[in-house]
Amino acid sequence: MTGPHITITYCTQCNWLLRASWMASELLNTFGTEIGSVTLVPGTGGVFHIDVGGTQIWERKRDGGFPGAPELKRLVRDVALPDWKLGHADASAPE
């Protein structure tokens, strides 16, 4: 497992497990074996944040909700796999 390690911390009180697991699936489907791991970490108190290799790339309160799949993939790519091509997700990136 030499690729980036991604951690998604989600609130169990808010029932965000399904959202967190969907995001994990999206990342695994997109990046495959380039990812070292995706770990889901249960939390409480409305927490929802995503870290890549110890760098926080998303925090629900700070960033105003949840990222969409294309945005999440771009954030992970930009931090962990900058040469990775995302195809149509790159084309829809805001300028």
PDB file of N, CA and C in Angstrom:
ATOM      1  N   MET A   1       0.840  -1.184   0.000  1.00  0.00           N
ATOM      2  CA  MET A   1       0.000   0.000   0.000  1.00  0.00           C
ATOM      3  C   MET A   1       0.880   1.240   0.000  1.00  0.00           C
ATOM      4  N   THR A   2       1.361   1.617  -1.149  1.00  0.00           N
ATOM      5  CA  THR A   2       2.263   2.748  -1.239  1.00  0.00           C
ATOM      6  C   THR A   2       1.571   4.028  -1.661  1.00  0.00           C
ATOM      7  N   GLY A   3       0.348   3.947  -2.165  1.00  0.00           N
ATOM      8  CA  GLY A   3      -0.372   5.129  -2.601  1.00  0.00           C
ATOM      9  C   GLY A   3      -0.881   5.944  -1.433  1.00  0.00           C
ATOM     10  N   PRO A   4      -1.568   7.034  -1.725  1.00  0.00           N
ATOM     11  CA  PRO A   4      -2.076   7.893  -0.663  1.00  0.00           C
ATOM     12  C   PRO A   4      -3.126   7.181   0.188  1.00  0.00           C
ATOM     13  N   HIS A   5      -3.133   7.512   1.464  1.00  0.00           N
ATOM     14  CA  HIS A   5      -4.121   6.970   2.391  1.00  0.00           C
ATOM     15  C   HIS A   5      -5.164   8.057   2.646  1.00  0.00           C
ATOM     16  N   ILE A   6      -6.408   7.726   2.370  1.00  0.00           N
ATOM     17  CA  ILE A   6      -7.517   8.677   2.476  1.00  0.00           C
ATOM     18  C   ILE A   6      -8.378   8.274   3.662  1.00  0.00           C
ATOM     19  N   THR A   7      -8.743   9.254   4.470  1.00  0.00           N
ATOM     20  CA  THR A   7      -9.603   9.017   5.622  1.00  0.00           C
ATOM     21  C   THR A   7     -10.840   9.893   5.503  1.00  0.00           C
ATOM     22  N   ILE A   8     -11.995   9.262   5.614  1.00  0.00           N
ATOM     23  CA  ILE A   8     -13.264   9.993   5.620  1.00  0.00           C
ATOM     24  C   ILE A   8     -13.870   9.805   7.010  1.00  0.00           C
ATOM     25  N   THR A   9     -13.958  10.891   7.755  1.00  0.00           N
ATOM     26  CA  THR A   9     -14.553  10.863   9.090  1.00  0.00           C
ATOM     27  C   THR A   9     -15.968  11.406   8.979  1.00  0.00           C
ATOM     28  N   TYR A  10     -16.935  10.637   9.460  1.00  0.00           N
ATOM     29  CA  TYR A  10     -18.346  10.974   9.283  1.00  0.00           C
ATOM     30  C   TYR A  10     -19.091  10.879  10.618  1.00  0.00           C
ATOM     31  N   CYS A  11     -20.211  11.581  10.718  1.00  0.00           N
ATOM     32  CA  CYS A  11     -21.018  11.595  11.932  1.00  0.00           C
ATOM     33  C   CYS A  11     -22.024  10.442  11.923  1.00  0.00           C
ATOM     34  N   THR A  12     -21.933   9.591  12.950  1.00  0.00           N
ATOM     35  CA  THR A  12     -22.895   8.496  13.067  1.00  0.00           C
ATOM     36  C   THR A  12     -24.258   8.999  13.522  1.00  0.00           C
ATOM     37  N   GLN A  13     -24.291  10.072  14.303  1.00  0.00           N
ATOM     38  CA  GLN A  13     -25.558  10.646  14.770  1.00  0.00           C
ATOM     39  C   GLN A  13     -26.371  11.215  13.611  1.00  0.00           C
ATOM     40  N   CYS A  14     -25.664  11.683  12.600  1.00  0.00           N
ATOM     41  CA  CYS A  14     -26.315  12.284  11.428  1.00  0.00           C
ATOM     42  C   CYS A  14     -26.613  11.253  10.333  1.00  0.00           C
ATOM     43  N   ASN A  15     -26.216  10.008  10.569  1.00  0.00           N
ATOM     44  CA  ASN A  15     -26.429   8.925   9.607  1.00  0.00           C
ATOM     45  C   ASN A  15     -25.741   9.189   8.267  1.00  0.00           C
ATOM     46  N   TRP A  16     -24.487   9.623   8.328  1.00  0.00           N
ATOM     47  CA  TRP A  16     -23.739   9.934   7.115  1.00  0.00           C
ATOM     48  C   TRP A  16     -22.856   8.789   6.639  1.00  0.00           C
ATOM     49  N   LEU A  17     -23.042   7.586   7.185  1.00  0.00           N
ATOM     50  CA  LEU A  17     -22.254   6.433   6.737  1.00  0.00           C
ATOM     51  C   LEU A  17     -22.465   6.161   5.246  1.00  0.00           C
ATOM     52  N   LEU A  18     -23.695   6.193   4.794  1.00  0.00           N
ATOM     53  CA  LEU A  18     -23.972   5.898   3.380  1.00  0.00           C
ATOM     54  C   LEU A  18     -23.261   6.903   2.473  1.00  0.00           C
ATOM     55  N   ARG A  19     -23.310   8.177   2.833  1.00  0.00           N
ATOM     56  CA  ARG A  19     -22.630   9.220   2.048  1.00  0.00           C
ATOM     57  C   ARG A  19     -21.121   8.969   2.037  1.00  0.00           C
ATOM     58  N   ALA A  20     -20.560   8.669   3.207  1.00  0.00           N
ATOM     59  CA  ALA A  20     -19.119   8.433   3.313  1.00  0.00           C
ATOM     60  C   ALA A  20     -18.705   7.204   2.507  1.00  0.00           C
ATOM     61  N   SER A  21     -19.487   6.143   2.577  1.00  0.00           N
ATOM     62  CA  SER A  21     -19.135   4.916   1.853  1.00  0.00           C
ATOM     63  C   SER A  21     -19.292   5.109   0.344  1.00  0.00           C
ATOM     64  N   TRP A  22     -20.273   5.900  -0.074  1.00  0.00           N
ATOM     65  CA  TRP A  22     -20.425   6.217  -1.499  1.00  0.00           C
ATOM     66  C   TRP A  22     -19.202   6.978  -1.998  1.00  0.00           C
ATOM     67  N   MET A  23     -18.744   7.960  -1.216  1.00  0.00           N
ATOM     68  CA  MET A  23     -17.563   8.730  -1.617  1.00  0.00           C
ATOM     69  C   MET A  23     -16.335   7.829  -1.685  1.00  0.00           C
ATOM     70  N   ALA A  24     -16.199   6.923  -0.730  1.00  0.00           N
ATOM     71  CA  ALA A  24     -15.083   5.976  -0.756  1.00  0.00           C
ATOM     72  C   ALA A  24     -15.139   5.128  -2.025  1.00  0.00           C
ATOM     73  N   SER A  25     -16.318   4.655  -2.382  1.00  0.00           N
ATOM     74  CA  SER A  25     -16.482   3.849  -3.600  1.00  0.00           C
ATOM     75  C   SER A  25     -16.105   4.643  -4.839  1.00  0.00           C
ATOM     76  N   GLU A  26     -16.515   5.899  -4.910  1.00  0.00           N
ATOM     77  CA  GLU A  26     -16.176   6.754  -6.047  1.00  0.00           C
ATOM     78  C   GLU A  26     -14.659   6.879  -6.193  1.00  0.00           C
ATOM     79  N   LEU A  27     -13.974   7.086  -5.068  1.00  0.00           N
ATOM     80  CA  LEU A  27     -12.520   7.235  -5.119  1.00  0.00           C
ATOM     81  C   LEU A  27     -11.844   5.935  -5.533  1.00  0.00           C
ATOM     82  N   LEU A  28     -12.308   4.820  -4.983  1.00  0.00           N
ATOM     83  CA  LEU A  28     -11.722   3.528  -5.342  1.00  0.00           C
ATOM     84  C   LEU A  28     -11.984   3.176  -6.798  1.00  0.00           C
ATOM     85  N   ASN A  29     -13.161   3.477  -7.301  1.00  0.00           N
ATOM     86  CA  ASN A  29     -13.471   3.212  -8.707  1.00  0.00           C
ATOM     87  C   ASN A  29     -12.634   4.076  -9.637  1.00  0.00           C
ATOM     88  N   THR A  30     -12.371   5.298  -9.237  1.00  0.00           N
ATOM     89  CA  THR A  30     -11.620   6.218 -10.084  1.00  0.00           C
ATOM     90  C   THR A  30     -10.123   5.944 -10.059  1.00  0.00           C
ATOM     91  N   PHE A  31      -9.548   5.813  -8.869  1.00  0.00           N
ATOM     92  CA  PHE A  31      -8.099   5.742  -8.729  1.00  0.00           C
ATOM     93  C   PHE A  31      -7.551   4.323  -8.587  1.00  0.00           C
ATOM     94  N   GLY A  32      -8.423   3.361  -8.300  1.00  0.00           N
ATOM     95  CA  GLY A  32      -8.016   1.956  -8.235  1.00  0.00           C
ATOM     96  C   GLY A  32      -6.819   1.705  -7.343  1.00  0.00           C
ATOM     97  N   THR A  33      -5.836   1.009  -7.871  1.00  0.00           N
ATOM     98  CA  THR A  33      -4.682   0.608  -7.068  1.00  0.00           C
ATOM     99  C   THR A  33      -3.701   1.748  -6.811  1.00  0.00           C
ATOM    100  N   GLU A  34      -3.943   2.915  -7.349  1.00  0.00           N
ATOM    101  CA  GLU A  34      -3.099   4.081  -7.056  1.00  0.00           C
ATOM    102  C   GLU A  34      -3.331   4.577  -5.633  1.00  0.00           C
ATOM    103  N   ILE A  35      -4.453   4.176  -5.029  1.00  0.00           N
ATOM    104  CA  ILE A  35      -4.779   4.556  -3.656  1.00  0.00           C
ATOM    105  C   ILE A  35      -4.279   3.460  -2.728  1.00  0.00           C
ATOM    106  N   GLY A  36      -3.602   3.874  -1.649  1.00  0.00           N
ATOM    107  CA  GLY A  36      -3.140   2.902  -0.669  1.00  0.00           C
ATOM    108  C   GLY A  36      -4.280   2.357   0.160  1.00  0.00           C
ATOM    109  N   SER A  37      -5.196   3.246   0.567  1.00  0.00           N
ATOM    110  CA  SER A  37      -6.359   2.823   1.343  1.00  0.00           C
ATOM    111  C   SER A  37      -7.362   3.960   1.438  1.00  0.00           C
ATOM    112  N   VAL A  38      -8.610   3.580   1.687  1.00  0.00           N
ATOM    113  CA  VAL A  38      -9.659   4.527   2.062  1.00  0.00           C
ATOM    114  C   VAL A  38     -10.239   3.993   3.362  1.00  0.00           C
ATOM    115  N   THR A  39     -10.179   4.808   4.387  1.00  0.00           N
ATOM    116  CA  THR A  39     -10.642   4.403   5.708  1.00  0.00           C
ATOM    117  C   THR A  39     -11.819   5.261   6.126  1.00  0.00           C
ATOM    118  N   LEU A  40     -12.874   4.607   6.604  1.00  0.00           N
ATOM    119  CA  LEU A  40     -14.038   5.316   7.151  1.00  0.00           C
ATOM    120  C   LEU A  40     -13.909   5.329   8.667  1.00  0.00           C
ATOM    121  N   VAL A  41     -14.029   6.521   9.254  1.00  0.00           N
ATOM    122  CA  VAL A  41     -13.869   6.686  10.692  1.00  0.00           C
ATOM    123  C   VAL A  41     -15.151   7.277  11.268  1.00  0.00           C
ATOM    124  N   PRO A  42     -15.858   6.532  12.134  1.00  0.00           N
ATOM    125  CA  PRO A  42     -17.073   7.073  12.730  1.00  0.00           C
ATOM    126  C   PRO A  42     -16.756   8.155  13.754  1.00  0.00           C
ATOM    127  N   GLY A  43     -17.604   9.186  13.752  1.00  0.00           N
ATOM    128  CA  GLY A  43     -17.476  10.275  14.706  1.00  0.00           C
ATOM    129  C   GLY A  43     -18.851  10.751  15.124  1.00  0.00           C
ATOM    130  N   THR A  44     -18.899  11.826  15.878  1.00  0.00           N
ATOM    131  CA  THR A  44     -20.162  12.402  16.338  1.00  0.00           C
ATOM    132  C   THR A  44     -20.097  13.920  16.244  1.00  0.00           C
ATOM    133  N   GLY A  45     -21.212  14.562  16.520  1.00  0.00           N
ATOM    134  CA  GLY A  45     -21.242  16.017  16.586  1.00  0.00           C
ATOM    135  C   GLY A  45     -21.262  16.720  15.245  1.00  0.00           C
ATOM    136  N   GLY A  46     -21.751  16.050  14.201  1.00  0.00           N
ATOM    137  CA  GLY A  46     -21.851  16.685  12.890  1.00  0.00           C
ATOM    138  C   GLY A  46     -20.554  16.708  12.105  1.00  0.00           C
ATOM    139  N   VAL A  47     -19.587  15.912  12.527  1.00  0.00           N
ATOM    140  CA  VAL A  47     -18.288  15.906  11.864  1.00  0.00           C
ATOM    141  C   VAL A  47     -18.384  15.239  10.487  1.00  0.00           C
ATOM    142  N   PHE A  48     -17.733  15.835   9.517  1.00  0.00           N
ATOM    143  CA  PHE A  48     -17.543  15.210   8.208  1.00  0.00           C
ATOM    144  C   PHE A  48     -16.332  15.878   7.582  1.00  0.00           C
ATOM    145  N   HIS A  49     -15.222  15.151   7.538  1.00  0.00           N
ATOM    146  CA  HIS A  49     -14.044  15.694   6.878  1.00  0.00           C
ATOM    147  C   HIS A  49     -13.281  14.587   6.178  1.00  0.00           C
ATOM    148  N   ILE A  50     -12.502  15.015   5.188  1.00  0.00           N
ATOM    149  CA  ILE A  50     -11.746  14.092   4.354  1.00  0.00           C
ATOM    150  C   ILE A  50     -10.286  14.528   4.381  1.00  0.00           C
ATOM    151  N   ASP A  51      -9.418  13.558   4.683  1.00  0.00           N
ATOM    152  CA  ASP A  51      -7.978  13.805   4.734  1.00  0.00           C
ATOM    153  C   ASP A  51      -7.276  12.906   3.729  1.00  0.00           C
ATOM    154  N   VAL A  52      -6.259  13.456   3.093  1.00  0.00           N
ATOM    155  CA  VAL A  52      -5.423  12.686   2.165  1.00  0.00           C
ATOM    156  C   VAL A  52      -3.989  12.792   2.663  1.00  0.00           C
ATOM    157  N   GLY A  53      -3.455  11.677   3.109  1.00  0.00           N
ATOM    158  CA  GLY A  53      -2.084  11.663   3.611  1.00  0.00           C
ATOM    159  C   GLY A  53      -1.851  12.644   4.741  1.00  0.00           C
ATOM    160  N   GLY A  54      -2.857  12.859   5.590  1.00  0.00           N
ATOM    161  CA  GLY A  54      -2.717  13.772   6.710  1.00  0.00           C
ATOM    162  C   GLY A  54      -3.077  15.213   6.398  1.00  0.00           C
ATOM    163  N   THR A  55      -3.385  15.520   5.141  1.00  0.00           N
ATOM    164  CA  THR A  55      -3.791  16.868   4.750  1.00  0.00           C
ATOM    165  C   THR A  55      -5.306  16.913   4.601  1.00  0.00           C
ATOM    166  N   GLN A  56      -5.940  17.786   5.353  1.00  0.00           N
ATOM    167  CA  GLN A  56      -7.399  17.890   5.257  1.00  0.00           C
ATOM    168  C   GLN A  56      -7.768  18.616   3.970  1.00  0.00           C
ATOM    169  N   ILE A  57      -8.579  17.936   3.133  1.00  0.00           N
ATOM    170  CA  ILE A  57      -8.990  18.549   1.862  1.00  0.00           C
ATOM    171  C   ILE A  57     -10.437  18.997   1.886  1.00  0.00           C
ATOM    172  N   TRP A  58     -11.200  18.522   2.880  1.00  0.00           N
ATOM    173  CA  TRP A  58     -12.610  18.926   2.963  1.00  0.00           C
ATOM    174  C   TRP A  58     -13.070  18.873   4.408  1.00  0.00           C
ATOM    175  N   GLU A  59     -13.814  19.895   4.815  1.00  0.00           N
ATOM    176  CA  GLU A  59     -14.425  19.920   6.131  1.00  0.00           C
ATOM    177  C   GLU A  59     -15.815  20.518   5.956  1.00  0.00           C
ATOM    178  N   ARG A  60     -16.834  19.781   6.313  1.00  0.00           N
ATOM    179  CA  ARG A  60     -18.221  20.145   6.020  1.00  0.00           C
ATOM    180  C   ARG A  60     -18.586  21.556   6.482  1.00  0.00           C
ATOM    181  N   LYS A  61     -18.278  21.893   7.697  1.00  0.00           N
ATOM    182  CA  LYS A  61     -18.654  23.225   8.204  1.00  0.00           C
ATOM    183  C   LYS A  61     -17.868  24.325   7.514  1.00  0.00           C
ATOM    184  N   ARG A  62     -16.581  24.120   7.366  1.00  0.00           N
ATOM    185  CA  ARG A  62     -15.712  25.124   6.736  1.00  0.00           C
ATOM    186  C   ARG A  62     -16.058  25.329   5.263  1.00  0.00           C
ATOM    187  N   ASP A  63     -16.318  24.203   4.566  1.00  0.00           N
ATOM    188  CA  ASP A  63     -16.497  24.255   3.120  1.00  0.00           C
ATOM    189  C   ASP A  63     -17.952  24.317   2.667  1.00  0.00           C
ATOM    190  N   GLY A  64     -18.886  24.365   3.609  1.00  0.00           N
ATOM    191  CA  GLY A  64     -20.283  24.582   3.260  1.00  0.00           C
ATOM    192  C   GLY A  64     -21.005  23.370   2.713  1.00  0.00           C
ATOM    193  N   GLY A  65     -20.928  22.251   3.384  1.00  0.00           N
ATOM    194  CA  GLY A  65     -21.661  21.063   2.960  1.00  0.00           C
ATOM    195  C   GLY A  65     -20.741  19.934   2.553  1.00  0.00           C
ATOM    196  N   PHE A  66     -21.153  19.233   1.516  1.00  0.00           N
ATOM    197  CA  PHE A  66     -20.430  18.052   1.058  1.00  0.00           C
ATOM    198  C   PHE A  66     -19.952  18.260  -0.380  1.00  0.00           C
ATOM    199  N   PRO A  67     -18.790  17.697  -0.713  1.00  0.00           N
ATOM    200  CA  PRO A  67     -18.332  17.827  -2.097  1.00  0.00           C
ATOM    201  C   PRO A  67     -19.091  16.875  -3.013  1.00  0.00           C
ATOM    202  N   GLY A  68     -19.279  17.301  -4.256  1.00  0.00           N
ATOM    203  CA  GLY A  68     -19.788  16.392  -5.270  1.00  0.00           C
ATOM    204  C   GLY A  68     -18.657  15.472  -5.709  1.00  0.00           C
ATOM    205  N   ALA A  69     -19.003  14.416  -6.409  1.00  0.00           N
ATOM    206  CA  ALA A  69     -17.994  13.443  -6.839  1.00  0.00           C
ATOM    207  C   ALA A  69     -16.883  14.070  -7.684  1.00  0.00           C
ATOM    208  N   PRO A  70     -17.205  14.887  -8.708  1.00  0.00           N
ATOM    209  CA  PRO A  70     -16.114  15.465  -9.506  1.00  0.00           C
ATOM    210  C   PRO A  70     -15.182  16.357  -8.682  1.00  0.00           C
ATOM    211  N   GLU A  71     -15.761  17.144  -7.787  1.00  0.00           N
ATOM    212  CA  GLU A  71     -14.946  18.029  -6.949  1.00  0.00           C
ATOM    213  C   GLU A  71     -14.051  17.216  -6.011  1.00  0.00           C
ATOM    214  N   LEU A  72     -14.612  16.168  -5.406  1.00  0.00           N
ATOM    215  CA  LEU A  72     -13.841  15.312  -4.510  1.00  0.00           C
ATOM    216  C   LEU A  72     -12.672  14.668  -5.247  1.00  0.00           C
ATOM    217  N   LYS A  73     -12.914  14.161  -6.430  1.00  0.00           N
ATOM    218  CA  LYS A  73     -11.863  13.515  -7.218  1.00  0.00           C
ATOM    219  C   LYS A  73     -10.769  14.510  -7.583  1.00  0.00           C
ATOM    220  N   ARG A  74     -11.153  15.733  -7.939  1.00  0.00           N
ATOM    221  CA  ARG A  74     -10.149  16.756  -8.260  1.00  0.00           C
ATOM    222  C   ARG A  74      -9.299  17.094  -7.042  1.00  0.00           C
ATOM    223  N   LEU A  75      -9.952  17.218  -5.873  1.00  0.00           N
ATOM    224  CA  LEU A  75      -9.209  17.537  -4.652  1.00  0.00           C
ATOM    225  C   LEU A  75      -8.207  16.441  -4.301  1.00  0.00           C
ATOM    226  N   VAL A  76      -8.639  15.197  -4.379  1.00  0.00           N
ATOM    227  CA  VAL A  76      -7.747  14.073  -4.085  1.00  0.00           C
ATOM    228  C   VAL A  76      -6.607  14.046  -5.099  1.00  0.00           C
ATOM    229  N   ARG A  77      -6.942  14.177  -6.351  1.00  0.00           N
ATOM    230  CA  ARG A  77      -5.925  14.165  -7.404  1.00  0.00           C
ATOM    231  C   ARG A  77      -4.908  15.279  -7.190  1.00  0.00           C
ATOM    232  N   ASP A  78      -5.393  16.499  -6.912  1.00  0.00           N
ATOM    233  CA  ASP A  78      -4.491  17.646  -6.772  1.00  0.00           C
ATOM    234  C   ASP A  78      -3.488  17.454  -5.636  1.00  0.00           C
ATOM    235  N   VAL A  79      -3.911  16.799  -4.554  1.00  0.00           N
ATOM    236  CA  VAL A  79      -3.029  16.590  -3.407  1.00  0.00           C
ATOM    237  C   VAL A  79      -2.143  15.361  -3.587  1.00  0.00           C
ATOM    238  N   ALA A  80      -2.715  14.277  -4.061  1.00  0.00           N
ATOM    239  CA  ALA A  80      -2.018  12.993  -4.010  1.00  0.00           C
ATOM    240  C   ALA A  80      -1.484  12.490  -5.347  1.00  0.00           C
ATOM    241  N   LEU A  81      -2.168  12.798  -6.437  1.00  0.00           N
ATOM    242  CA  LEU A  81      -1.802  12.235  -7.743  1.00  0.00           C
ATOM    243  C   LEU A  81      -1.891  13.324  -8.818  1.00  0.00           C
ATOM    244  N   PRO A  82      -1.049  14.349  -8.740  1.00  0.00           N
ATOM    245  CA  PRO A  82      -1.212  15.522  -9.607  1.00  0.00           C
ATOM    246  C   PRO A  82      -1.131  15.246 -11.105  1.00  0.00           C
ATOM    247  N   ASP A  83      -0.520  14.155 -11.516  1.00  0.00           N
ATOM    248  CA  ASP A  83      -0.421  13.853 -12.950  1.00  0.00           C
ATOM    249  C   ASP A  83      -1.594  13.022 -13.466  1.00  0.00           C
ATOM    250  N   TRP A  84      -2.502  12.623 -12.586  1.00  0.00           N
ATOM    251  CA  TRP A  84      -3.640  11.780 -12.948  1.00  0.00           C
ATOM    252  C   TRP A  84      -4.621  12.589 -13.789  1.00  0.00           C
ATOM    253  N   LYS A  85      -5.092  12.019 -14.873  1.00  0.00           N
ATOM    254  CA  LYS A  85      -6.086  12.665 -15.740  1.00  0.00           C
ATOM    255  C   LYS A  85      -7.477  12.172 -15.356  1.00  0.00           C
ATOM    256  N   LEU A  86      -8.388  13.107 -15.122  1.00  0.00           N
ATOM    257  CA  LEU A  86      -9.746  12.756 -14.713  1.00  0.00           C
ATOM    258  C   LEU A  86     -10.756  12.790 -15.850  1.00  0.00           C
ATOM    259  N   GLY A  87     -10.322  13.080 -17.039  1.00  0.00           N
ATOM    260  CA  GLY A  87     -11.238  13.079 -18.183  1.00  0.00           C
ATOM    261  C   GLY A  87     -12.310  14.133 -18.048  1.00  0.00           C
ATOM    262  N   HIS A  88     -13.572  13.721 -18.093  1.00  0.00           N
ATOM    263  CA  HIS A  88     -14.685  14.678 -18.086  1.00  0.00           C
ATOM    264  C   HIS A  88     -14.761  15.468 -16.794  1.00  0.00           C
ATOM    265  N   ALA A  89     -14.281  14.942 -15.684  1.00  0.00           N
ATOM    266  CA  ALA A  89     -14.296  15.692 -14.424  1.00  0.00           C
ATOM    267  C   ALA A  89     -13.354  16.891 -14.496  1.00  0.00           C
ATOM    268  N   ASP A  90     -12.254  16.772 -15.256  1.00  0.00           N
ATOM    269  CA  ASP A  90     -11.372  17.920 -15.474  1.00  0.00           C
ATOM    270  C   ASP A  90     -12.042  18.963 -16.344  1.00  0.00           C
ATOM    271  N   ALA A  91     -12.792  18.521 -17.329  1.00  0.00           N
ATOM    272  CA  ALA A  91     -13.458  19.445 -18.254  1.00  0.00           C
ATOM    273  C   ALA A  91     -14.514  20.289 -17.551  1.00  0.00           C
ATOM    274  N   SER A  92     -15.119  19.751 -16.471  1.00  0.00           N
ATOM    275  CA  SER A  92     -16.184  20.484 -15.790  1.00  0.00           C
ATOM    276  C   SER A  92     -15.673  21.272 -14.588  1.00  0.00           C
ATOM    277  N   ALA A  93     -14.345  21.367 -14.456  1.00  0.00           N
ATOM    278  CA  ALA A  93     -13.764  22.088 -13.318  1.00  0.00           C
ATOM    279  C   ALA A  93     -14.050  23.574 -13.424  1.00  0.00           C
ATOM    280  N   PRO A  94     -14.423  24.213 -12.307  1.00  0.00           N
ATOM    281  CA  PRO A  94     -14.639  25.659 -12.327  1.00  0.00           C
ATOM    282  C   PRO A  94     -13.316  26.380 -12.544  1.00  0.00           C
ATOM    283  N   GLU A  95     -13.380  27.506 -13.212  1.00  0.00           N
ATOM    284  CA  GLU A  95     -12.148  28.260 -13.496  1.00  0.00           C
ATOM    285  C   GLU A  95     -12.007  29.426 -12.581  1.00  0.00           C
TER     286      GLU A  95
END
